[in-house]
PDB file of N, CA and C in Angstrom:
ATOM      1  N   MET A   1      55.378  43.871 132.266  1.00  0.00           N
ATOM      2  CA  MET A   1      55.110  44.612 130.920  1.00  0.00           C
ATOM      3  C   MET A   1      54.761  45.974 131.047  1.00  0.00           C
ATOM      4  N   ARG A   2      53.925  46.238 132.164  1.00  0.00           N
ATOM      5  CA  ARG A   2      53.827  47.965 132.202  1.00  0.00           C
ATOM      6  C   ARG A   2      54.923  48.786 132.749  1.00  0.00           C
ATOM      7  N   VAL A   3      56.092  47.814 133.309  1.00  0.00           N
ATOM      8  CA  VAL A   3      57.331  48.649 133.533  1.00  0.00           C
ATOM      9  C   VAL A   3      58.113  48.809 131.751  1.00  0.00           C
ATOM     10  N   VAL A   4      57.905  47.915 131.145  1.00  0.00           N
ATOM     11  CA  VAL A   4      58.653  48.001 130.063  1.00  0.00           C
ATOM     12  C   VAL A   4      57.810  49.218 129.237  1.00  0.00           C
ATOM     13  N   LYS A   5      56.452  49.292 129.331  1.00  0.00           N
ATOM     14  CA  LYS A   5      56.050  50.166 128.137  1.00  0.00           C
ATOM     15  C   LYS A   5      56.265  51.765 128.642  1.00  0.00           C
ATOM     16  N   ARG A   6      56.281  51.680 130.013  1.00  0.00           N
ATOM     17  CA  ARG A   6      56.509  53.086 130.858  1.00  0.00           C
ATOM     18  C   ARG A   6      58.124  53.628 130.535  1.00  0.00           C
ATOM     19  N   ALA A   7      58.910  52.563 130.135  1.00  0.00           N
ATOM     20  CA  ALA A   7      60.256  52.711 130.204  1.00  0.00           C
ATOM     21  C   ALA A   7      60.404  53.225 128.923  1.00  0.00           C
ATOM     22  N   LEU A   8      59.600  52.650 127.888  1.00  0.00           N
ATOM     23  CA  LEU A   8      59.552  53.058 126.311  1.00  0.00           C
ATOM     24  C   LEU A   8      58.852  54.595 126.359  1.00  0.00           C
ATOM     25  N   LEU A   9      57.958  54.800 126.908  1.00  0.00           N
ATOM     26  CA  LEU A   9      57.276  56.222 126.733  1.00  0.00           C
ATOM     27  C   LEU A   9      58.201  57.156 127.285  1.00  0.00           C
ATOM     28  N   VAL A  10      58.678  56.752 128.627  1.00  0.00           N
ATOM     29  CA  VAL A  10      59.479  57.767 129.045  1.00  0.00           C
ATOM     30  C   VAL A  10      60.829  57.846 128.130  1.00  0.00           C
ATOM     31  N   GLY A  11      61.186  56.926 127.620  1.00  0.00           N
ATOM     32  CA  GLY A  11      62.190  57.034 126.821  1.00  0.00           C
ATOM     33  C   GLY A  11      62.395  57.774 125.406  1.00  0.00           C
ATOM     34  N   LEU A  12      60.897  57.666 124.739  1.00  0.00           N
ATOM     35  CA  LEU A  12      60.567  58.273 123.772  1.00  0.00           C
ATOM     36  C   LEU A  12      60.298  59.919 123.755  1.00  0.00           C
ATOM     37  N   PHE A  13      59.648  60.521 125.083  1.00  0.00           N
ATOM     38  CA  PHE A  13      60.028  61.614 125.618  1.00  0.00           C
ATOM     39  C   PHE A  13      61.107  62.264 126.175  1.00  0.00           C
ATOM     40  N   VAL A  14      62.106  61.488 126.274  1.00  0.00           N
ATOM     41  CA  VAL A  14      63.320  61.956 126.749  1.00  0.00           C
ATOM     42  C   VAL A  14      64.656  62.262 125.209  1.00  0.00           C
ATOM     43  N   LEU A  15      64.267  60.934 124.309  1.00  0.00           N
ATOM     44  CA  LEU A  15      64.614  61.261 122.983  1.00  0.00           C
ATOM     45  C   LEU A  15      64.084  62.693 122.358  1.00  0.00           C
ATOM     46  N   LEU A  16      62.686  62.856 121.996  1.00  0.00           N
ATOM     47  CA  LEU A  16      62.337  64.122 121.772  1.00  0.00           C
ATOM     48  C   LEU A  16      62.553  65.585 122.455  1.00  0.00           C
ATOM     49  N   TYR A  17      62.529  65.383 123.626  1.00  0.00           N
ATOM     50  CA  TYR A  17      63.447  66.214 124.315  1.00  0.00           C
ATOM     51  C   TYR A  17      64.894  66.889 123.881  1.00  0.00           C
ATOM     52  N   ALA A  18      65.406  65.558 123.484  1.00  0.00           N
ATOM     53  CA  ALA A  18      66.793  65.502 122.912  1.00  0.00           C
ATOM     54  C   ALA A  18      66.583  66.326 121.270  1.00  0.00           C
ATOM     55  N   LEU A  19      65.887  66.148 121.076  1.00  0.00           N
ATOM     56  CA  LEU A  19      65.668  66.233 119.460  1.00  0.00           C
ATOM     57  C   LEU A  19      65.263  67.577 119.166  1.00  0.00           C
ATOM     58  N   HIS A  20      64.634  68.264 120.466  1.00  0.00           N
ATOM     59  CA  HIS A  20      64.261  69.525 120.354  1.00  0.00           C
ATOM     60  C   HIS A  20      65.066  70.594 120.066  1.00  0.00           C
ATOM     61  N   GLN A  21      66.355  70.694 120.926  1.00  0.00           N
ATOM     62  CA  GLN A  21      67.537  71.350 121.029  1.00  0.00           C
ATOM     63  C   GLN A  21      67.929  71.283 119.631  1.00  0.00           C
ATOM     64  N   ASP A  22      67.744  71.191 118.428  1.00  0.00           N
ATOM     65  CA  ASP A  22      68.165  71.060 117.140  1.00  0.00           C
ATOM     66  C   ASP A  22      69.594  72.536 117.385  1.00  0.00           C
ATOM     67  N   VAL A  23      70.620  71.907 117.679  1.00  0.00           N
ATOM     68  CA  VAL A  23      72.233  72.522 117.446  1.00  0.00           C
ATOM     69  C   VAL A  23      72.747  72.705 116.251  1.00  0.00           C
ATOM     70  N   TRP A  24      72.094  71.597 115.528  1.00  0.00           N
ATOM     71  CA  TRP A  24      72.792  71.676 114.211  1.00  0.00           C
ATOM     72  C   TRP A  24      72.306  72.622 113.288  1.00  0.00           C
ATOM     73  N   LEU A  25      71.030  73.063 113.680  1.00  0.00           N
ATOM     74  CA  LEU A  25      70.257  74.064 112.357  1.00  0.00           C
ATOM     75  C   LEU A  25      70.460  75.907 113.037  1.00  0.00           C
ATOM     76  N   TRP A  26      71.383  75.904 113.945  1.00  0.00           N
ATOM     77  CA  TRP A  26      71.345  77.469 114.596  1.00  0.00           C
ATOM     78  C   TRP A  26      71.827  78.193 113.763  1.00  0.00           C
ATOM     79  N   ARG A  27      72.980  77.730 113.060  1.00  0.00           N
ATOM     80  CA  ARG A  27      73.905  78.789 112.146  1.00  0.00           C
ATOM     81  C   ARG A  27      73.218  78.380 110.524  1.00  0.00           C
ATOM     82  N   SER A  28      72.667  77.600 110.071  1.00  0.00           N
ATOM     83  CA  SER A  28      72.534  77.518 108.634  1.00  0.00           C
ATOM     84  C   SER A  28      70.961  78.007 108.484  1.00  0.00           C
ATOM     85  N   ALA A  29      71.102  79.093 107.439  1.00  0.00           N
ATOM     86  CA  ALA A  29      70.045  79.857 106.865  1.00  0.00           C
ATOM     87  C   ALA A  29      69.721  78.845 105.362  1.00  0.00           C
ATOM     88  N   ARG A  30      70.494  78.058 104.632  1.00  0.00           N
ATOM     89  CA  ARG A  30      70.098  78.010 103.731  1.00  0.00           C
ATOM     90  C   ARG A  30      70.560  76.091 103.705  1.00  0.00           C
ATOM     91  N   PRO A  31      70.070  75.579 102.715  1.00  0.00           N
ATOM     92  CA  PRO A  31      69.058  75.771 101.742  1.00  0.00           C
ATOM     93  C   PRO A  31      67.670  75.892 102.099  1.00  0.00           C
ATOM     94  N   LEU A  32      66.828  76.808 101.547  1.00  0.00           N
ATOM     95  CA  LEU A  32      65.758  76.716 101.990  1.00  0.00           C
ATOM     96  C   LEU A  32      64.693  75.491 101.928  1.00  0.00           C
ATOM     97  N   VAL A  33      64.110  75.116 102.434  1.00  0.00           N
ATOM     98  CA  VAL A  33      63.066  74.157 102.423  1.00  0.00           C
ATOM     99  C   VAL A  33      61.847  74.570 101.609  1.00  0.00           C
ATOM    100  N   PHE A  34      61.370  73.837 100.399  1.00  0.00           N
ATOM    101  CA  PHE A  34      60.303  74.123  99.760  1.00  0.00           C
ATOM    102  C   PHE A  34      60.545  74.950  99.188  1.00  0.00           C
ATOM    103  N   GLY A  35      61.971  75.624  99.439  1.00  0.00           N
ATOM    104  CA  GLY A  35      62.032  77.431  98.304  1.00  0.00           C
ATOM    105  C   GLY A  35      61.437  78.720  98.860  1.00  0.00           C
ATOM    106  N   PHE A  36      61.135  77.719 100.606  1.00  0.00           N
ATOM    107  CA  PHE A  36      60.777  79.309 101.218  1.00  0.00           C
ATOM    108  C   PHE A  36      60.463  79.550 102.877  1.00  0.00           C
ATOM    109  N   LEU A  37      61.164  78.225 103.224  1.00  0.00           N
ATOM    110  CA  LEU A  37      61.119  77.769 104.554  1.00  0.00           C
ATOM    111  C   LEU A  37      62.826  77.405 105.119  1.00  0.00           C
ATOM    112  N   PRO A  38      63.001  78.121 106.291  1.00  0.00           N
ATOM    113  CA  PRO A  38      64.451  78.198 106.284  1.00  0.00           C
ATOM    114  C   PRO A  38      64.780  77.197 107.436  1.00  0.00           C
ATOM    115  N   PRO A  39      65.678  76.096 107.225  1.00  0.00           N
ATOM    116  CA  PRO A  39      65.426  74.714 107.706  1.00  0.00           C
ATOM    117  C   PRO A  39      65.461  74.356 109.308  1.00  0.00           C
ATOM    118  N   GLY A  40      65.736  75.316 110.107  1.00  0.00           N
ATOM    119  CA  GLY A  40      65.060  75.774 111.375  1.00  0.00           C
ATOM    120  C   GLY A  40      63.955  75.436 111.816  1.00  0.00           C
ATOM    121  N   LEU A  41      63.123  76.430 110.715  1.00  0.00           N
ATOM    122  CA  LEU A  41      61.615  76.501 110.886  1.00  0.00           C
ATOM    123  C   LEU A  41      60.786  74.935 110.486  1.00  0.00           C
ATOM    124  N   ALA A  42      61.415  74.624 109.403  1.00  0.00           N
ATOM    125  CA  ALA A  42      60.985  73.793 108.909  1.00  0.00           C
ATOM    126  C   ALA A  42      61.337  72.418 109.975  1.00  0.00           C
ATOM    127  N   TRP A  43      62.298  72.169 110.694  1.00  0.00           N
ATOM    128  CA  TRP A  43      62.580  71.080 111.946  1.00  0.00           C
ATOM    129  C   TRP A  43      61.380  71.177 112.477  1.00  0.00           C
ATOM    130  N   HIS A  44      61.225  72.387 113.331  1.00  0.00           N
ATOM    131  CA  HIS A  44      60.244  72.420 114.588  1.00  0.00           C
ATOM    132  C   HIS A  44      59.084  72.425 113.549  1.00  0.00           C
ATOM    133  N   ALA A  45      58.503  73.015 112.755  1.00  0.00           N
ATOM    134  CA  ALA A  45      57.130  72.412 112.091  1.00  0.00           C
ATOM    135  C   ALA A  45      57.175  70.584 112.087  1.00  0.00           C
ATOM    136  N   ALA A  46      58.018  70.046 111.430  1.00  0.00           N
ATOM    137  CA  ALA A  46      58.262  68.782 111.861  1.00  0.00           C
ATOM    138  C   ALA A  46      58.000  68.130 112.793  1.00  0.00           C
ATOM    139  N   TYR A  47      58.792  68.622 113.842  1.00  0.00           N
ATOM    140  CA  TYR A  47      59.123  68.181 115.202  1.00  0.00           C
ATOM    141  C   TYR A  47      57.698  68.349 115.906  1.00  0.00           C
ATOM    142  N   THR A  48      56.708  69.624 115.705  1.00  0.00           N
ATOM    143  CA  THR A  48      55.849  69.448 116.468  1.00  0.00           C
ATOM    144  C   THR A  48      54.414  68.885 116.036  1.00  0.00           C
ATOM    145  N   ILE A  49      54.727  67.939 114.898  1.00  0.00           N
ATOM    146  CA  ILE A  49      53.842  67.128 113.901  1.00  0.00           C
ATOM    147  C   ILE A  49      54.146  65.789 114.963  1.00  0.00           C
ATOM    148  N   VAL A  50      55.274  65.342 114.996  1.00  0.00           N
ATOM    149  CA  VAL A  50      55.975  64.173 115.761  1.00  0.00           C
ATOM    150  C   VAL A  50      55.489  64.657 117.173  1.00  0.00           C
ATOM    151  N   VAL A  51      55.626  65.438 117.735  1.00  0.00           N
ATOM    152  CA  VAL A  51      55.569  65.293 119.310  1.00  0.00           C
ATOM    153  C   VAL A  51      53.995  65.325 119.457  1.00  0.00           C
ATOM    154  N   ALA A  52      52.815  65.963 118.711  1.00  0.00           N
ATOM    155  CA  ALA A  52      51.249  65.614 118.522  1.00  0.00           C
ATOM    156  C   ALA A  52      50.868  64.090 118.748  1.00  0.00           C
ATOM    157  N   GLY A  53      52.110  63.455 117.592  1.00  0.00           N
ATOM    158  CA  GLY A  53      51.582  61.908 117.336  1.00  0.00           C
ATOM    159  C   GLY A  53      52.093  61.554 118.747  1.00  0.00           C
ATOM    160  N   ALA A  54      53.353  61.878 119.083  1.00  0.00           N
ATOM    161  CA  ALA A  54      53.909  61.312 120.689  1.00  0.00           C
ATOM    162  C   ALA A  54      53.055  61.290 121.821  1.00  0.00           C
ATOM    163  N   LEU A  55      52.085  62.699 121.619  1.00  0.00           N
ATOM    164  CA  LEU A  55      51.208  62.811 122.564  1.00  0.00           C
ATOM    165  C   LEU A  55      49.808  62.138 122.664  1.00  0.00           C
ATOM    166  N   TRP A  56      50.038  61.853 121.359  1.00  0.00           N
ATOM    167  CA  TRP A  56      48.320  61.000 120.834  1.00  0.00           C
ATOM    168  C   TRP A  56      48.497  59.422 121.550  1.00  0.00           C
ATOM    169  N   LEU A  57      49.970  58.976 121.283  1.00  0.00           N
ATOM    170  CA  LEU A  57      50.040  57.253 121.701  1.00  0.00           C
ATOM    171  C   LEU A  57      50.082  57.797 123.351  1.00  0.00           C
ATOM    172  N   LEU A  58      50.699  58.505 123.774  1.00  0.00           N
ATOM    173  CA  LEU A  58      51.144  59.142 125.527  1.00  0.00           C
ATOM    174  C   LEU A  58      49.349  58.666 125.783  1.00  0.00           C
ATOM    175  N   SER A  59      48.879  59.315 125.923  1.00  0.00           N
ATOM    176  CA  SER A  59      47.041  59.365 126.218  1.00  0.00           C
ATOM    177  C   SER A  59      46.350  58.192 126.045  1.00  0.00           C
ATOM    178  N   THR A  60      47.204  57.398 124.562  1.00  0.00           N
ATOM    179  CA  THR A  60      45.756  56.349 124.063  1.00  0.00           C
ATOM    180  C   THR A  60      47.149  55.295 124.966  1.00  0.00           C
ATOM    181  N   LEU A  61      48.087  55.162 125.360  1.00  0.00           N
ATOM    182  CA  LEU A  61      48.606  54.183 126.008  1.00  0.00           C
ATOM    183  C   LEU A  61      48.501  54.114 127.712  1.00  0.00           C
ATOM    184  N   ALA A  62      48.510  55.240 127.939  1.00  0.00           N
ATOM    185  CA  ALA A  62      48.891  55.626 129.590  1.00  0.00           C
ATOM    186  C   ALA A  62      47.825  56.523 130.033  1.00  0.00           C
ATOM    187  N   TRP A  63      46.654  56.098 129.587  1.00  0.00           N
ATOM    188  CA  TRP A  63      45.572  56.633 130.319  1.00  0.00           C
ATOM    189  C   TRP A  63      44.985  56.197 131.380  1.00  0.00           C
ATOM    190  N   PRO A  64      45.034  56.903 132.756  1.00  0.00           N
ATOM    191  CA  PRO A  64      44.700  56.445 134.123  1.00  0.00           C
ATOM    192  C   PRO A  64      42.970  55.948 134.079  1.00  0.00           C
ATOM    193  N   HIS A  65      43.090  54.706 133.027  1.00  0.00           N
ATOM    194  CA  HIS A  65      41.551  54.393 133.306  1.00  0.00           C
ATOM    195  C   HIS A  65      40.314  53.960 134.432  1.00  0.00           C
ATOM    196  N   ALA A  66      41.815  53.840 135.269  1.00  0.00           N
ATOM    197  CA  ALA A  66      41.082  53.040 136.623  1.00  0.00           C
ATOM    198  C   ALA A  66      40.635  54.225 137.534  1.00  0.00           C
ATOM    199  N   LEU A  67      40.943  55.361 137.131  1.00  0.00           N
ATOM    200  CA  LEU A  67      41.321  56.257 137.961  1.00  0.00           C
ATOM    201  C   LEU A  67      39.497  56.976 137.733  1.00  0.00           C
ATOM    202  N   GLU A  68      39.802  57.019 135.849  1.00  0.00           N
ATOM    203  CA  GLU A  68      38.232  57.488 135.378  1.00  0.00           C
ATOM    204  C   GLU A  68      37.149  56.859 136.034  1.00  0.00           C
ATOM    205  N   ARG A  69      37.553  55.810 135.809  1.00  0.00           N
ATOM    206  CA  ARG A  69      36.306  54.829 136.188  1.00  0.00           C
ATOM    207  C   ARG A  69      35.739  55.141 137.606  1.00  0.00           C
ATOM    208  N   GLU A  70      36.860  55.378 138.352  1.00  0.00           N
ATOM    209  CA  GLU A  70      36.306  55.798 139.665  1.00  0.00           C
ATOM    210  C   GLU A  70      35.606  57.026 139.925  1.00  0.00           C
ATOM    211  N   ALA A  71      35.920  58.286 139.389  1.00  0.00           N
ATOM    212  CA  ALA A  71      35.746  59.053 139.307  1.00  0.00           C
ATOM    213  C   ALA A  71      34.026  59.377 138.692  1.00  0.00           C
ATOM    214  N   GLU A  72      33.937  58.522 137.586  1.00  0.00           N
ATOM    215  CA  GLU A  72      32.781  58.251 137.157  1.00  0.00           C
ATOM    216  C   GLU A  72      31.531  57.984 138.287  1.00  0.00           C
ATOM    217  N   GLN A  73      32.250  57.111 139.243  1.00  0.00           N
ATOM    218  CA  GLN A  73      31.214  56.158 140.162  1.00  0.00           C
ATOM    219  C   GLN A  73      30.709  57.340 141.339  1.00  0.00           C
ATOM    220  N   VAL A  74      31.653  58.033 141.814  1.00  0.00           N
ATOM    221  CA  VAL A  74      31.029  58.876 142.753  1.00  0.00           C
ATOM    222  C   VAL A  74      30.304  60.236 142.323  1.00  0.00           C
ATOM    223  N   PRO A  75      29.247  60.048 143.038  1.00  0.00           N
ATOM    224  CA  PRO A  75      28.118  61.010 142.224  1.00  0.00           C
ATOM    225  C   PRO A  75      28.200  62.308 143.045  1.00  0.00           C
ATOM    226  N   LEU A  76      28.008  63.361 141.712  1.00  0.00           N
ATOM    227  CA  LEU A  76      28.336  64.507 142.037  1.00  0.00           C
ATOM    228  C   LEU A  76      27.556  65.333 142.916  1.00  0.00           C
ATOM    229  N   ARG A  77      27.941  66.281 143.655  1.00  0.00           N
ATOM    230  CA  ARG A  77      27.030  66.975 144.698  1.00  0.00           C
ATOM    231  C   ARG A  77      26.967  68.917 144.149  1.00  0.00           C
ATOM    232  N   HIS A  78      26.121  69.263 144.268  1.00  0.00           N
ATOM    233  CA  HIS A  78      26.206  70.830 144.280  1.00  0.00           C
ATOM    234  C   HIS A  78      25.934  71.549 145.279  1.00  0.00           C
ATOM    235  N   PRO A  79      26.520  72.319 145.671  1.00  0.00           N
ATOM    236  CA  PRO A  79      26.545  72.953 146.722  1.00  0.00           C
ATOM    237  C   PRO A  79      25.312  73.903 147.557  1.00  0.00           C
ATOM    238  N   GLU A  80      24.342  73.878 146.303  1.00  0.00           N
ATOM    239  CA  GLU A  80      22.515  74.263 146.573  1.00  0.00           C
ATOM    240  C   GLU A  80      21.851  72.938 147.193  1.00  0.00           C
ATOM    241  N   ASP A  81      22.479  71.628 147.030  1.00  0.00           N
ATOM    242  CA  ASP A  81      21.910  70.596 147.183  1.00  0.00           C
ATOM    243  C   ASP A  81      21.903  70.082 148.803  1.00  0.00           C
ATOM    244  N   GLU A  82      23.195  70.768 149.732  1.00  0.00           N
ATOM    245  CA  GLU A  82      23.322  70.704 150.688  1.00  0.00           C
ATOM    246  C   GLU A  82      23.050  71.525 151.722  1.00  0.00           C
ATOM    247  N   ALA A  83      22.473  72.600 150.996  1.00  0.00           N
ATOM    248  CA  ALA A  83      21.382  73.761 151.934  1.00  0.00           C
ATOM    249  C   ALA A  83      20.135  73.776 152.418  1.00  0.00           C
TER     250      ALA A  83
END
């Protein structure tokens, strides 16, 4: 199951990377989105929102909880304590 989840997450980010290269909007400045926003800028605004959601999903599903628990168990040492 972990391999499938990892492959889906990697595939999601490969797809997002491919969608970032918006070659279909390079030469068009019309029609304006909402009457004032060029299509390329509107695309990147929507893309940014989608990527933020994907990063939230990545940090929720693929966070290394075992490493975090391990780090919490190690006592913190301060350099002044050793002197």
